[in-house]
């Protein structure tokens, strides 16, 4: 089994990009779309997008994929379906989002496009778990943050 090390990054810094370039099992955070484009010499690149953001949409549209693939993964689709071509796997995966104050989980969708060297994922509504993970890293201890349960559960239970 190969282990992977990922350098820390603040996923809630307001950026529409959350990305890593992997070299020899080591992940390095990418700061912007230019770095993501220039990471072509990496073994593998993962880019996660906020699909509400115009810059993220523009970056997605500059990929060398057929326009119908870009349109499909950028669309706000709530049903899950994956498609396979000789070079790509793409589509939407069903998931659930946990919004503060919501009585129940809301259906959501994670868009995905994967090739041998690039994985692009994206959402229109960020997951609360990313916020919880950020709080853990900022407090240097998950024990204090999660003592009463995950933030999404605490918000719902009062």
Protein backbone atom coordinates (compact mmCIF):
# COMPACT_ATOMS: atom_id res chain seq x y z
CA UNK A 1 0.00 0.00 0.00
CA UNK A 2 1.33 3.44 -0.92
CA UNK A 3 0.97 6.30 1.51
CA UNK A 4 0.34 9.85 0.47
CA UNK A 5 1.29 12.98 2.33
CA UNK A 6 -0.68 16.17 1.73
CA UNK A 7 0.56 19.58 2.77
CA UNK A 8 -1.99 21.58 4.77
CA UNK A 9 -4.09 24.26 3.15
CA UNK A 10 -7.00 26.36 4.41
CA UNK A 11 -10.01 25.12 2.39
CA UNK A 12 -12.24 27.94 3.56
CA UNK A 13 -10.09 30.91 2.53
CA UNK A 14 -12.77 32.11 0.10
CA UNK A 15 -11.11 30.59 -2.94
CA UNK A 16 -13.16 28.78 -5.57
CA UNK A 17 -10.28 26.31 -5.92
CA UNK A 18 -9.11 23.49 -3.67
CA UNK A 19 -6.36 21.61 -5.53
CA UNK A 20 -3.32 19.39 -5.11
CA UNK A 21 -0.56 18.18 -7.39
CA UNK A 22 0.84 14.78 -6.44
CA UNK A 23 4.48 13.89 -7.08
CA UNK A 24 5.82 10.54 -5.87
CA UNK A 25 2.98 10.06 -3.38
CA UNK A 26 3.32 13.55 -1.93
CA UNK A 27 0.55 16.12 -2.42
CA UNK A 28 1.29 19.81 -2.69
CA UNK A 29 -1.46 22.41 -2.42
CA UNK A 30 -1.99 24.57 -5.49
CA UNK A 31 -2.85 28.21 -4.82
CA UNK A 32 -4.62 29.23 -8.01
CA UNK A 33 -5.87 28.16 -11.43
CA UNK A 34 -2.55 29.08 -13.08
CA UNK A 35 -0.72 26.64 -10.78
CA UNK A 36 -3.31 23.97 -11.56
CA UNK A 37 -2.74 24.51 -15.29
CA UNK A 38 1.05 24.43 -14.85
CA UNK A 39 1.04 21.20 -12.83
CA UNK A 40 1.26 19.09 -15.98
CA UNK A 41 4.46 17.39 -14.83
CA UNK A 42 2.74 15.97 -11.72
CA UNK A 43 1.91 12.28 -11.44
CA UNK A 44 -1.66 13.26 -10.68
CA UNK A 45 -3.64 16.48 -10.09
CA UNK A 46 -6.88 16.84 -8.14
CA UNK A 47 -8.88 20.03 -8.55
CA UNK A 48 -12.08 20.63 -6.57
CA UNK A 49 -14.20 23.58 -7.73
CA UNK A 50 -16.91 25.79 -6.31
CA UNK A 51 -19.19 25.61 -9.34
CA UNK A 52 -21.03 28.79 -8.32
CA UNK A 53 -17.88 30.76 -9.09
CA UNK A 54 -17.41 32.31 -12.55
CA UNK A 55 -13.61 31.77 -12.49
CA UNK A 56 -14.11 28.09 -11.67
CA UNK A 57 -16.63 27.76 -14.51
CA UNK A 58 -14.21 29.49 -16.91
CA UNK A 59 -11.36 27.18 -15.88
CA UNK A 60 -13.60 24.16 -16.40
CA UNK A 61 -14.58 25.37 -19.89
CA UNK A 62 -10.89 25.65 -20.88
CA UNK A 63 -10.33 21.92 -20.38
CA UNK A 64 -9.61 19.98 -23.60
CA UNK A 65 -12.80 17.98 -23.28
CA UNK A 66 -15.74 17.89 -25.67
CA UNK A 67 -18.13 20.80 -24.95
CA UNK A 68 -21.02 18.46 -24.12
CA UNK A 69 -18.94 16.88 -21.32
CA UNK A 70 -18.05 20.27 -19.85
CA UNK A 71 -21.69 21.43 -20.06
CA UNK A 72 -22.95 18.26 -18.41
CA UNK A 73 -20.58 18.35 -15.44
CA UNK A 74 -21.07 22.11 -14.94
CA UNK A 75 -24.86 21.79 -14.93
CA UNK A 76 -26.79 21.80 -11.62
CA UNK A 77 -27.91 18.18 -11.93
CA UNK A 78 -29.31 16.38 -8.88
CA UNK A 79 -29.42 12.85 -10.25
CA UNK A 80 -26.43 10.55 -10.24
CA UNK A 81 -25.07 9.14 -13.45
CA UNK A 82 -21.59 8.34 -14.71
CA UNK A 83 -20.41 7.99 -18.29
CA UNK A 84 -17.30 6.29 -19.61
CA UNK A 85 -15.26 7.17 -22.70
CA UNK A 86 -11.87 5.69 -23.65
CA UNK A 87 -10.13 8.59 -21.87
CA UNK A 88 -12.57 9.84 -19.20
CA UNK A 89 -15.08 8.92 -16.57
CA UNK A 90 -17.50 11.82 -15.99
CA UNK A 91 -20.87 12.69 -14.58
CA UNK A 92 -22.56 13.33 -11.25
CA UNK A 93 -22.55 11.34 -8.03
CA UNK A 94 -25.46 11.69 -5.63
CA UNK A 95 -24.63 12.85 -2.15
CA UNK A 96 -26.23 14.80 0.63
CA UNK A 97 -25.46 18.22 1.97
CA UNK A 98 -26.00 19.19 5.56
CA UNK A 99 -27.07 22.82 5.78
CA UNK A 100 -27.20 24.72 9.08
CA UNK A 101 -30.74 24.93 10.41
CA UNK A 102 -32.07 22.28 8.02
CA UNK A 103 -34.38 19.68 9.51
CA UNK A 104 -33.03 16.94 7.26
CA UNK A 105 -30.23 16.25 4.83
CA UNK A 106 -30.69 17.77 1.38
CA UNK A 107 -29.97 15.87 -1.83
CA UNK A 108 -26.90 17.13 -3.61
CA UNK A 109 -24.56 16.28 -6.42
CA UNK A 110 -20.81 16.00 -6.80
CA UNK A 111 -19.67 16.46 -10.37
CA UNK A 112 -16.63 14.46 -11.41
CA UNK A 113 -14.36 14.17 -14.44
CA UNK A 114 -11.45 11.75 -14.17
CA UNK A 115 -8.64 10.92 -16.56
CA UNK A 116 -5.39 9.08 -15.85
CA UNK A 117 -3.68 12.23 -14.54
CA UNK A 118 -6.47 14.67 -13.62
CA UNK A 119 -9.43 14.42 -11.27
CA UNK A 120 -11.82 17.37 -11.29
CA UNK A 121 -14.63 17.46 -8.76
CA UNK A 122 -17.06 20.25 -8.02
CA UNK A 123 -20.09 21.29 -6.03
CA UNK A 124 -22.46 24.23 -6.05
CA UNK A 125 -22.98 24.07 -2.27
CA UNK A 126 -19.94 23.37 -0.07
CA UNK A 127 -20.06 20.59 2.47
CA UNK A 128 -20.17 21.57 6.11
CA UNK A 129 -17.63 18.85 6.87
CA UNK A 130 -14.93 20.93 5.16
CA UNK A 131 -15.72 23.78 7.56
CA UNK A 132 -15.47 21.36 10.48
CA UNK A 133 -12.11 20.10 9.24
CA UNK A 134 -10.88 23.67 8.93
CA UNK A 135 -11.90 24.40 12.52
CA UNK A 136 -9.99 21.30 13.62
CA UNK A 137 -6.81 22.36 11.85
CA UNK A 138 -7.08 25.94 13.13
CA UNK A 139 -7.62 24.85 16.74
CA UNK A 140 -4.82 22.25 16.42
CA UNK A 141 -7.09 19.77 18.18
CA UNK A 142 -10.19 18.07 16.87
CA UNK A 143 -11.10 17.00 20.40
CA UNK A 144 -12.25 20.50 21.36
CA UNK A 145 -14.17 21.07 18.13
CA UNK A 146 -15.87 17.66 17.96
CA UNK A 147 -16.40 17.12 21.72
CA UNK A 148 -20.16 17.63 21.43
CA UNK A 149 -20.38 16.02 17.98
CA UNK A 150 -19.79 17.36 14.48
CA UNK A 151 -20.78 21.04 14.00
CA UNK A 152 -23.55 20.06 11.55
CA UNK A 153 -25.18 17.81 14.14
CA UNK A 154 -24.81 20.37 16.94
CA UNK A 155 -26.51 23.01 14.77
CA UNK A 156 -29.42 20.70 14.12
CA UNK A 157 -29.80 19.39 17.64
CA UNK A 158 -29.67 22.81 19.26
